[in-house]
Amino acid sequence: MTAIEKYFSKQVSIAPLAVFRICFGLLIFGSMLRFWGNGWISSLYIEPKYFFSFYGFEWIKPLGVYTYAIFFVCALSSLLVALGLFYRMASILLFLSFTYIEFMDASTYLNHYYFISLICFLLIFLPAHFAYAFDAKRNPQWTYKYIPQWNLDALKLMMAILYFYAGLAKLNSDWLLHAMPLKIWLPARNDMPILGSLFSNSITPFVFSWAGCLYDLSIPFLLWQTRMRAYAYGAVVVFHVLTALLFPIGMFPHIMMVAALIFFSPKFHETLIHKFAKFMALISTKFKGNYHRKANSCNSFQANISSRETAASFGLNQSAASTKSVQAYLAPSYVKWVFIVFFAAQILLPFRYIFYPGELFWTEEGYRFSWRVMLMEKAGYAQFTIRDNWGKMHVVNNTEFLTSLQEKMMCTQADLLLQYAHILRNHYAKLGFDKPQVYVDSYVALNGRLGKPLVGSETNLAEIADSFAPKTWIIPFTDDIKGF
């Protein structure tokens, strides 16, 4: 056998994949509840009058009050994935519903939404429900104890790509030589208990910048090393706890801390599952014992339930499986090709920016979907004027069309600015303007620099069509940011 054949034939315990499935599903379920509870579904996807689309996906829009149904499907499917119940259908629904939510408004784009969508896609093809799952309990013939090693490595590789590419993106002069944008962000947190006083020190942003770069570039390789894994995971926890305290980035730190557990050995995950089973046995014993004591029928109840019985009731027991529990699962051959194409795209896609002229941080052409995490602080201003062939003129009040978040994102991102110009063109055409012309006075400040025009004030945005072609109507950036 060749080295490649040996690798693809190597088998490993399914326990790490099962733990990942459970934790990942529960985190997404919690995130959906968080969105619902904080009223963000309404404020972000129902109340706004207009929404920004990703080019090519203009058909994906919020569905009014039915948007709640999309979030409900996402929450339900994530819970079913965690339980391993109707897993295949649930994982497909989770990918489709979460990705639909991600694409409803480009102004809410976040890197970790993209990461979650990719993981959801991978889970569709991974046998994460063949053990420690309700599907395995309902259908013992589906139960396997071993799966191909590359099934686990696919998740590890996805995390490695995220971290390593995020580190490569930090190899630029603004981040390393000027500590931007941390030099702006950290002093604003000097009121933080214990650590706050450090953030006013001029050297602190440089320490954080270099440490963050080294962390991203090295952490996937350290997690892959058995001897360094425990120390590396400690660094993961410290890094993401600190970022969660300093920056409002939602569930991302929690997702990365949990996802990094996939690097640990199968024995570690089997221990986690058995401890959880014992915990559930203890809870079940106390609950049932209290119930029967209140009913004065303790004699009919055996309070001493074993952890194995309780584990089975939660789909965590493998011993009840058929003889396949000692056999190895062999993935269909097409799955390998799906993953090969998938990872080829993930490796190449972040480099598409090289086909666009100009400074990436300024134009942001090829910026999204490339793991460029927290590299910029951009503030912008955009004042639009509508004119027509008969001399009509109107200065636009952006708050009549956009929320504060949408306006903030639009002012600094050229593609959103163009979309908004088209929204204005169509709106004022309905009000009687003859072939409306849309002009903008725009200024953008990048990483502490003075504001500069993003678009020429004499450029009629109404007649410019969006495309994947370079946006030559963007005024070139006169400064030089060296690096990836």
Protein backbone atom coordinates (compact mmCIF):
# COMPACT_ATOMS: atom_id res chain seq x y z
CA MET A 1 0.00 0.00 0.00
CA THR A 2 1.15 3.53 -0.73
CA ALA A 3 1.34 6.09 2.03
CA ILE A 4 -1.88 7.69 0.75
CA GLU A 5 -3.68 4.34 0.70
CA LYS A 6 -2.50 3.58 4.21
CA TYR A 7 -3.72 6.95 5.42
CA PHE A 8 -7.18 6.56 3.90
CA SER A 9 -7.49 3.02 5.31
CA LYS A 10 -6.53 4.04 8.85
CA GLN A 11 -9.36 3.74 11.39
CA VAL A 12 -9.95 5.53 14.69
CA SER A 13 -12.60 5.64 17.39
CA ILE A 14 -15.75 7.57 16.54
CA ALA A 15 -15.86 9.20 20.01
CA PRO A 16 -14.17 12.53 19.04
CA LEU A 17 -16.61 13.05 16.17
CA ALA A 18 -19.56 12.29 18.42
CA VAL A 19 -18.40 14.77 21.07
CA PHE A 20 -17.87 17.39 18.37
CA ARG A 21 -21.37 16.78 17.01
CA ILE A 22 -22.98 17.13 20.43
CA CYS A 23 -21.09 20.27 21.46
CA PHE A 24 -21.34 21.99 18.09
CA GLY A 25 -25.07 21.35 17.83
CA LEU A 26 -25.73 22.62 21.34
CA LEU A 27 -23.70 25.79 20.73
CA ILE A 28 -25.65 26.62 17.58
CA PHE A 29 -28.89 25.90 19.42
CA GLY A 30 -27.81 28.28 22.18
CA SER A 31 -26.87 30.91 19.60
CA MET A 32 -30.32 30.73 18.02
CA LEU A 33 -31.95 31.14 21.43
CA ARG A 34 -29.67 34.10 22.07
CA PHE A 35 -30.74 35.76 18.82
CA TRP A 36 -34.37 35.15 19.63
CA GLY A 37 -34.14 36.28 23.25
CA ASN A 38 -32.29 39.50 22.46
CA GLY A 39 -34.75 40.52 19.79
CA TRP A 40 -32.08 40.51 17.08
CA ILE A 41 -34.22 38.61 14.58
CA SER A 42 -36.64 41.51 14.49
CA SER A 43 -34.11 44.36 14.69
CA LEU A 44 -31.74 42.89 12.08
CA TYR A 45 -33.99 41.04 9.64
CA ILE A 46 -37.58 42.28 9.96
CA GLU A 47 -37.59 45.96 10.91
CA PRO A 48 -35.12 47.27 8.27
CA LYS A 49 -36.68 48.54 5.04
CA TYR A 50 -33.86 47.35 2.78
CA PHE A 51 -31.18 44.67 2.88
CA PHE A 52 -27.76 44.27 1.28
CA SER A 53 -27.10 41.17 -0.81
CA PHE A 54 -24.00 39.19 -1.65
CA TYR A 55 -23.35 39.42 -5.37
CA GLY A 56 -24.96 36.42 -7.07
CA PHE A 57 -27.24 35.71 -4.10
CA GLU A 58 -29.67 38.59 -4.47
CA TRP A 59 -32.56 36.12 -4.23
CA ILE A 60 -31.79 35.42 -0.56
CA LYS A 61 -33.80 37.89 1.48
CA PRO A 62 -35.54 37.95 4.87
CA LEU A 63 -39.11 36.67 4.69
CA GLY A 64 -40.84 39.19 6.92
CA VAL A 65 -42.39 37.58 9.99
CA TYR A 66 -41.69 34.18 8.41
CA THR A 67 -38.01 34.84 9.11
CA TYR A 68 -38.76 33.47 12.57
CA ALA A 69 -39.54 30.15 10.90
CA ILE A 70 -36.03 30.03 9.41
CA PHE A 71 -34.50 30.57 12.84
CA PHE A 72 -36.84 27.94 14.31
CA VAL A 73 -35.75 25.40 11.68
CA CYS A 74 -32.11 26.25 12.40
CA ALA A 75 -32.60 25.86 16.16
CA LEU A 76 -34.51 22.60 15.84
CA SER A 77 -32.08 21.07 13.36
CA SER A 78 -29.08 22.04 15.50
CA LEU A 79 -30.69 20.31 18.50
CA LEU A 80 -31.41 17.20 16.44
CA VAL A 81 -27.80 17.18 15.23
CA ALA A 82 -26.60 17.35 18.84
CA LEU A 83 -28.88 14.43 19.76
CA GLY A 84 -27.95 12.47 16.66
CA LEU A 85 -31.64 12.10 15.81
CA PHE A 86 -32.70 12.06 12.14
CA TYR A 87 -29.14 13.24 11.68
CA ARG A 88 -28.76 13.32 7.90
CA MET A 89 -31.88 15.38 7.30
CA ALA A 90 -31.13 17.57 10.33
CA SER A 91 -27.56 18.32 9.19
CA ILE A 92 -28.78 19.29 5.71
CA LEU A 93 -31.46 21.56 7.18
CA LEU A 94 -28.92 23.07 9.58
CA PHE A 95 -26.55 23.92 6.73
CA LEU A 96 -29.29 25.38 4.54
CA SER A 97 -31.04 27.38 7.27
CA PHE A 98 -27.89 28.78 8.87
CA THR A 99 -26.37 29.69 5.50
CA TYR A 100 -29.62 31.36 4.46
CA ILE A 101 -29.51 33.42 7.65
CA GLU A 102 -25.88 34.35 6.97
CA PHE A 103 -26.68 35.54 3.45
CA MET A 104 -29.83 37.54 4.25
CA ASP A 105 -27.92 40.79 4.78
CA ALA A 106 -24.29 41.38 3.85
CA SER A 107 -24.01 44.17 6.42
CA THR A 108 -24.14 41.53 9.20
CA TYR A 109 -21.31 39.41 7.72
CA LEU A 110 -18.96 37.86 10.26
CA ASN A 111 -16.13 35.39 9.69
CA HIS A 112 -17.43 32.97 12.27
CA TYR A 113 -20.82 32.75 10.52
CA TYR A 114 -18.90 31.58 7.46
CA PHE A 115 -16.94 29.08 9.56
CA ILE A 116 -20.15 27.64 11.03
CA SER A 117 -21.67 27.24 7.56
CA LEU A 118 -18.59 25.33 6.38
CA ILE A 119 -18.63 23.03 9.40
CA CYS A 120 -22.34 22.40 8.88
CA PHE A 121 -21.58 21.42 5.29
CA LEU A 122 -18.87 18.97 6.38
CA LEU A 123 -21.15 17.38 8.96
CA ILE A 124 -23.59 16.41 6.21
CA PHE A 125 -21.02 13.91 4.91
CA LEU A 126 -19.49 12.78 8.21
CA PRO A 127 -20.81 9.70 10.07
CA ALA A 128 -21.28 11.59 13.32
CA HIS A 129 -24.49 9.75 14.23
CA PHE A 130 -23.20 6.18 14.09
CA ALA A 131 -22.48 6.06 17.83
CA TYR A 132 -23.50 7.94 20.96
CA ALA A 133 -26.62 9.09 19.12
CA PHE A 134 -30.33 8.39 19.10
CA ASP A 135 -30.08 7.19 15.51
CA ALA A 136 -27.61 4.52 16.62
CA LYS A 137 -29.96 3.56 19.48
CA ARG A 138 -32.98 3.34 17.15
CA ASN A 139 -31.08 1.47 14.44
CA PRO A 140 -28.31 -0.69 15.94
CA GLN A 141 -27.34 -1.86 12.45
CA TRP A 142 -26.08 1.69 11.80
CA THR A 143 -23.74 1.61 14.77
CA TYR A 144 -19.98 1.60 14.25
CA LYS A 145 -17.17 1.97 16.72
CA TYR A 146 -14.51 3.01 14.23
CA ILE A 147 -14.45 5.50 11.38
CA PRO A 148 -11.74 6.60 8.92
CA GLN A 149 -9.08 8.82 10.44
CA TRP A 150 -9.53 11.37 7.64
CA ASN A 151 -13.09 12.02 8.82
CA LEU A 152 -11.67 13.60 11.97
CA ASP A 153 -8.77 15.20 10.13
CA ALA A 154 -11.21 17.03 7.86
CA LEU A 155 -12.49 19.02 10.85
CA LYS A 156 -8.97 19.59 12.09
CA LEU A 157 -7.88 20.81 8.68
CA MET A 158 -10.79 23.26 8.51
CA MET A 159 -9.72 24.75 11.83
CA ALA A 160 -6.09 24.81 10.74
CA ILE A 161 -7.00 26.73 7.58
CA LEU A 162 -8.96 29.29 9.61
CA TYR A 163 -6.14 29.88 12.09
CA PHE A 164 -3.23 29.77 9.64
CA TYR A 165 -4.84 32.07 7.10
CA ALA A 166 -5.82 34.47 9.88
CA GLY A 167 -2.15 34.48 10.88
CA LEU A 168 -0.96 35.08 7.33
CA ALA A 169 -3.33 38.02 7.04
CA LYS A 170 -1.70 39.57 10.11
CA LEU A 171 1.66 39.62 8.38
CA ASN A 172 1.18 43.20 7.25
CA SER A 173 2.79 46.48 8.19
CA ASP A 174 -0.28 47.97 9.86
CA TRP A 175 -0.63 45.02 12.23
CA LEU A 176 3.01 44.31 13.06
CA LEU A 177 4.73 47.69 12.70
CA HIS A 178 1.95 50.04 13.80
CA ALA A 179 -0.14 47.75 16.02
CA MET A 180 -3.25 48.80 14.14
CA PRO A 181 -6.12 48.54 14.87
CA LEU A 182 -5.35 47.31 18.40
CA LYS A 183 -3.75 50.66 19.16
CA ILE A 184 -7.23 52.13 18.73
CA TRP A 185 -9.27 49.39 20.37
CA LEU A 186 -7.30 48.49 23.50
CA PRO A 187 -7.09 51.96 25.15
CA ALA A 188 -10.88 52.12 24.88
CA ARG A 189 -10.99 49.18 27.34
CA ASN A 190 -8.80 50.77 30.03
CA ASP A 191 -11.78 50.71 32.41
CA MET A 192 -11.66 46.91 32.47
CA PRO A 193 -10.94 45.47 35.95
CA ILE A 194 -7.39 44.19 36.65
CA LEU A 195 -6.11 44.36 33.05
CA GLY A 196 -7.48 47.80 32.18
CA SER A 197 -4.42 49.75 33.29
CA LEU A 198 -2.21 47.76 30.90
CA PHE A 199 -4.20 48.89 27.87
CA SER A 200 -3.10 52.49 28.26
CA ASN A 201 0.54 51.45 27.92
CA SER A 202 1.86 52.19 24.43
CA ILE A 203 3.70 48.86 24.24
CA THR A 204 0.64 46.71 24.98
CA PRO A 205 -0.93 46.90 21.48
CA PHE A 206 2.37 45.72 19.95
CA VAL A 207 2.57 42.80 22.37
CA PHE A 208 -0.99 41.79 21.57
CA SER A 209 -0.46 42.20 17.82
CA TRP A 210 2.67 40.04 17.66
CA ALA A 211 1.28 37.48 20.10
CA GLY A 212 -1.95 37.21 18.11
CA CYS A 213 -0.05 36.67 14.87
CA LEU A 214 2.21 33.99 16.37
CA TYR A 215 -0.78 32.31 17.99
CA ASP A 216 -2.74 32.04 14.75
CA LEU A 217 0.22 30.76 12.74
CA SER A 218 1.32 28.13 15.26
CA ILE A 219 -1.71 26.92 17.19
CA PRO A 220 -3.02 24.33 14.69
CA PHE A 221 0.41 22.69 14.47
CA LEU A 222 0.81 22.68 18.26
CA LEU A 223 -2.65 21.16 18.74
CA TRP A 224 -1.68 18.39 16.31
CA GLN A 225 1.37 17.51 18.46
CA THR A 226 0.57 15.05 21.26
CA ARG A 227 3.21 16.41 23.62
CA MET A 228 2.19 20.04 23.14
CA ARG A 229 -1.57 19.54 22.93
CA ALA A 230 -2.47 20.29 26.54
CA TYR A 231 -0.36 23.48 26.58
CA ALA A 232 -1.72 24.51 23.20
CA TYR A 233 -5.29 24.04 24.34
CA GLY A 234 -4.52 26.14 27.40
CA ALA A 235 -3.40 28.87 25.01
CA VAL A 236 -6.66 28.45 23.05
CA VAL A 237 -8.69 28.98 26.20
CA VAL A 238 -6.67 32.01 27.35
CA PHE A 239 -6.71 33.60 23.90
CA HIS A 240 -10.43 33.20 23.29
CA VAL A 241 -11.50 34.09 26.81
CA LEU A 242 -9.49 37.29 26.50
CA THR A 243 -10.95 38.13 23.09
CA ALA A 244 -14.45 37.44 24.41
CA LEU A 245 -13.87 39.88 27.26
CA LEU A 246 -12.34 42.58 25.08
CA PHE A 247 -14.39 42.46 21.90
CA PRO A 248 -18.09 41.89 21.13
CA ILE A 249 -17.68 38.91 18.79
CA GLY A 250 -20.57 36.76 19.99
CA MET A 251 -20.29 32.97 20.10
CA PHE A 252 -17.05 32.68 18.14
CA PRO A 253 -14.69 32.27 21.15
CA HIS A 254 -16.91 29.57 22.64
CA ILE A 255 -17.18 27.73 19.33
CA MET A 256 -13.41 27.72 18.84
CA MET A 257 -12.70 26.55 22.39
CA VAL A 258 -15.10 23.63 21.98
CA ALA A 259 -14.08 22.82 18.40
CA ALA A 260 -10.40 22.61 19.40
CA LEU A 261 -11.26 19.55 21.51
CA ILE A 262 -11.36 17.55 18.26
CA PHE A 263 -7.54 17.44 18.38
CA PHE A 264 -7.54 15.41 21.60
CA SER A 265 -7.20 11.62 21.61
CA PRO A 266 -10.16 9.22 21.27
CA LYS A 267 -9.53 8.05 24.82
CA PHE A 268 -10.01 11.61 26.08
CA HIS A 269 -13.39 11.86 24.33
CA GLU A 270 -14.50 8.43 25.49
CA THR A 271 -13.74 9.55 29.02
CA LEU A 272 -15.82 12.69 28.50
CA ILE A 273 -18.76 10.64 27.27
CA HIS A 274 -18.58 8.19 30.18
CA LYS A 275 -18.38 11.03 32.70
CA PHE A 276 -21.36 12.70 31.11
CA ALA A 277 -23.25 9.39 31.22
CA LYS A 278 -22.51 9.04 34.94
CA PHE A 279 -23.61 12.63 35.53
CA MET A 280 -26.89 11.99 33.72
CA ALA A 281 -27.32 8.78 35.75
CA LEU A 282 -26.91 10.75 38.95
CA ILE A 283 -29.41 13.40 37.84
CA SER A 284 -31.85 10.72 36.74
CA THR A 285 -31.50 8.84 40.03
CA LYS A 286 -32.15 11.93 42.14
CA PHE A 287 -35.07 13.06 39.99
CA LYS A 288 -36.78 9.69 39.98
CA GLY A 289 -36.03 9.13 43.63
CA ASN A 290 -37.57 12.47 44.62
CA TYR A 291 -40.59 11.85 42.42
CA HIS A 292 -41.33 8.47 43.96
CA ARG A 293 -40.76 9.69 47.50
CA LYS A 294 -43.36 12.40 46.93
CA ALA A 295 -45.72 9.77 45.54
CA ASN A 296 -45.03 7.50 48.51
CA SER A 297 -44.23 4.67 46.13
CA CYS A 298 -40.53 4.18 46.69
CA ASN A 299 -40.95 0.45 46.99
CA SER A 300 -41.83 0.24 43.31
CA PHE A 301 -38.74 2.11 42.16
CA GLN A 302 -35.13 1.07 42.05
CA ALA A 303 -33.21 4.28 42.63
CA ASN A 304 -29.90 2.65 41.88
CA ILE A 305 -29.89 3.12 38.09
CA SER A 306 -26.62 2.36 36.39
CA SER A 307 -24.75 4.87 34.27
CA ARG A 308 -24.91 2.40 31.39
CA GLU A 309 -28.73 2.31 31.46
CA THR A 310 -28.94 6.08 31.62
CA ALA A 311 -26.42 6.42 28.84
CA ALA A 312 -28.57 4.18 26.68
CA SER A 313 -31.63 6.34 27.36
CA PHE A 314 -29.71 9.35 26.03
CA GLY A 315 -28.33 7.54 23.00
CA LEU A 316 -24.85 7.33 24.56
CA ASN A 317 -24.55 3.59 24.91
CA GLN A 318 -22.63 1.55 22.36
CA SER A 319 -22.85 -1.79 24.12
CA ALA A 320 -26.43 -2.27 22.96
CA ALA A 321 -25.37 -2.02 19.36
CA SER A 322 -25.17 -4.87 16.90
CA THR A 323 -21.97 -6.63 15.99
CA LYS A 324 -21.17 -3.67 13.73
CA SER A 325 -20.06 -1.81 16.86
CA VAL A 326 -16.71 -3.54 16.53
CA GLN A 327 -16.49 -3.00 12.80
CA ALA A 328 -15.15 -0.01 10.90
CA TYR A 329 -17.29 2.33 8.86
CA LEU A 330 -16.12 2.82 5.29
CA ALA A 331 -17.13 6.15 3.78
CA PRO A 332 -18.57 6.15 0.25
CA SER A 333 -15.91 6.95 -2.32
CA TYR A 334 -17.69 10.11 -3.49
CA VAL A 335 -17.23 11.70 -0.05
CA LYS A 336 -13.46 11.82 -0.58
CA TRP A 337 -13.93 13.75 -3.81
CA VAL A 338 -16.40 16.13 -2.21
CA PHE A 339 -13.85 16.89 0.49
CA ILE A 340 -10.97 17.22 -1.99
CA VAL A 341 -12.91 19.81 -4.01
CA PHE A 342 -14.11 21.52 -0.84
CA PHE A 343 -10.65 21.96 0.66
CA ALA A 344 -9.09 22.95 -2.66
CA ALA A 345 -11.61 25.78 -2.76
CA GLN A 346 -10.90 26.75 0.85
CA ILE A 347 -7.15 26.86 0.22
CA LEU A 348 -7.43 28.94 -2.96
CA LEU A 349 -10.38 31.24 -2.26
CA PRO A 350 -8.60 33.51 0.25
CA PHE A 351 -6.01 34.38 -2.40
CA ARG A 352 -8.50 35.69 -4.96
CA TYR A 353 -7.61 39.24 -3.85
CA ILE A 354 -4.43 39.05 -5.97
CA PHE A 355 -6.60 39.42 -9.09
CA TYR A 356 -7.79 42.86 -7.93
CA PRO A 357 -5.67 46.01 -8.15
CA GLY A 358 -5.38 48.45 -5.29
CA GLU A 359 -5.05 48.07 -1.54
CA LEU A 360 -7.16 45.20 -0.22
CA PHE A 361 -8.05 46.93 3.05
CA TRP A 362 -9.29 49.93 1.08
CA THR A 363 -11.30 48.31 -1.72
CA GLU A 364 -12.17 45.09 0.20
CA GLU A 365 -12.35 43.23 -3.12
CA GLY A 366 -11.64 39.64 -2.13
CA TYR A 367 -11.69 40.52 1.58
CA ARG A 368 -14.69 38.49 2.73
CA PHE A 369 -14.50 34.71 3.08
CA SER A 370 -10.72 34.83 3.48
CA TRP A 371 -10.27 34.63 7.29
CA ARG A 372 -9.13 38.23 7.67
CA VAL A 373 -10.17 38.59 11.28
CA MET A 374 -10.24 41.94 13.11
CA LEU A 375 -7.58 43.57 10.93
CA MET A 376 -9.22 46.92 10.27
CA GLU A 377 -10.85 49.85 11.97
CA LYS A 378 -12.75 51.78 9.33
CA ALA A 379 -14.96 54.79 9.93
CA GLY A 380 -16.87 56.36 7.10
CA TYR A 381 -19.19 59.12 6.01
CA ALA A 382 -21.40 59.09 2.90
CA GLN A 383 -23.75 61.87 1.80
CA PHE A 384 -25.81 61.03 -1.28
CA THR A 385 -27.32 63.50 -3.73
CA ILE A 386 -29.97 62.61 -6.31
CA ARG A 387 -30.25 64.56 -9.56
CA ASP A 388 -32.21 64.07 -12.77
CA ASN A 389 -32.29 65.38 -16.33
CA TRP A 390 -34.76 68.15 -15.45
CA GLY A 391 -32.66 69.73 -12.75
CA LYS A 392 -34.35 68.10 -9.76
CA MET A 393 -32.01 67.60 -6.80
CA HIS A 394 -32.44 65.97 -3.41
CA VAL A 395 -29.98 65.33 -0.56
CA VAL A 396 -30.65 61.94 0.99
CA ASN A 397 -31.14 61.30 4.70
CA ASN A 398 -29.67 57.82 5.07
CA THR A 399 -31.64 57.08 8.25
CA GLU A 400 -34.84 57.05 6.19
CA PHE A 401 -33.57 53.97 4.37
CA LEU A 402 -31.04 52.19 6.57
CA THR A 403 -30.50 51.16 10.17
CA SER A 404 -27.48 52.54 12.01
CA LEU A 405 -25.59 49.25 11.53
CA GLN A 406 -26.38 49.13 7.83
CA GLU A 407 -25.30 52.74 7.35
CA LYS A 408 -22.05 52.14 9.20
CA MET A 409 -21.18 49.13 7.03
CA MET A 410 -22.32 50.80 3.81
CA CYS A 411 -20.15 53.88 4.27
CA THR A 412 -16.91 51.87 4.29
CA GLN A 413 -17.59 49.01 1.85
CA ALA A 414 -17.70 49.91 -1.82
CA ASP A 415 -20.00 47.09 -2.95
CA LEU A 416 -22.59 47.97 -0.31
CA LEU A 417 -22.28 51.65 -1.21
CA LEU A 418 -23.05 50.77 -4.83
CA GLN A 419 -26.04 48.65 -3.82
CA TYR A 420 -27.39 51.51 -1.75
CA ALA A 421 -26.98 53.88 -4.70
CA HIS A 422 -29.12 51.51 -6.78
CA ILE A 423 -31.73 51.37 -4.01
CA LEU A 424 -31.88 55.18 -4.09
CA ARG A 425 -32.02 55.22 -7.90
CA ASN A 426 -35.02 52.89 -7.95
CA HIS A 427 -36.75 54.68 -5.07
CA TYR A 428 -36.51 58.15 -6.56
CA ALA A 429 -37.47 56.91 -10.02
CA LYS A 430 -40.79 55.90 -8.48
CA LEU A 431 -41.11 59.42 -7.05
CA GLY A 432 -40.94 61.02 -10.46
CA PHE A 433 -37.22 61.66 -11.00
CA ASP A 434 -36.31 61.21 -14.67
CA LYS A 435 -33.47 58.68 -14.90
CA PRO A 436 -32.10 59.52 -11.44
CA GLN A 437 -28.38 60.11 -11.10
CA VAL A 438 -26.79 59.19 -7.77
CA TYR A 439 -23.66 60.95 -6.51
CA VAL A 440 -21.91 60.60 -3.18
CA ASP A 441 -19.49 62.57 -1.06
CA SER A 442 -17.71 59.80 0.82
CA TYR A 443 -14.80 59.77 3.22
CA VAL A 444 -13.24 56.74 4.87
CA ALA A 445 -10.62 56.61 7.62
CA LEU A 446 -8.61 53.37 7.66
CA ASN A 447 -6.70 52.28 10.78
CA GLY A 448 -6.32 55.75 12.25
CA ARG A 449 -5.43 57.56 9.04
CA LEU A 450 -7.12 60.78 8.00
CA GLY A 451 -10.31 60.33 6.05
CA LYS A 452 -10.00 60.13 2.26
CA PRO A 453 -12.62 59.97 -0.50
CA LEU A 454 -13.65 56.44 -1.46
CA VAL A 455 -15.60 57.46 -4.55
CA GLY A 456 -15.31 60.53 -6.74
CA SER A 457 -18.08 63.06 -6.17
CA GLU A 458 -18.71 63.26 -9.94
CA THR A 459 -19.17 59.51 -10.37
CA ASN A 460 -22.75 58.60 -11.21
CA LEU A 461 -23.24 55.37 -9.28
CA ALA A 462 -26.70 54.82 -10.75
CA GLU A 463 -25.23 53.78 -14.09
CA ILE A 464 -22.55 51.42 -12.70
CA ALA A 465 -23.42 47.71 -12.65
CA ASP A 466 -22.03 45.46 -9.96
CA SER A 467 -19.91 42.46 -10.96
CA PHE A 468 -16.86 40.44 -9.95
CA ALA A 469 -14.72 42.73 -12.11
CA PRO A 470 -12.41 45.23 -10.38
CA LYS A 471 -14.20 48.37 -9.24
CA THR A 472 -12.18 50.92 -11.15
CA TRP A 473 -14.45 53.73 -9.91
CA ILE A 474 -12.93 53.44 -6.41
CA ILE A 475 -10.41 56.22 -5.79
CA PRO A 476 -6.98 54.57 -5.30
CA PHE A 477 -5.48 54.39 -1.83
CA THR A 478 -2.40 56.61 -1.63
CA ASP A 479 -0.75 54.94 1.35
CA ASP A 480 1.11 51.63 1.23
CA ILE A 481 0.27 48.66 3.48
CA LYS A 482 2.82 45.92 2.93
CA GLY A 483 2.11 42.25 3.52
CA PHE A 484 -0.43 39.58 2.64
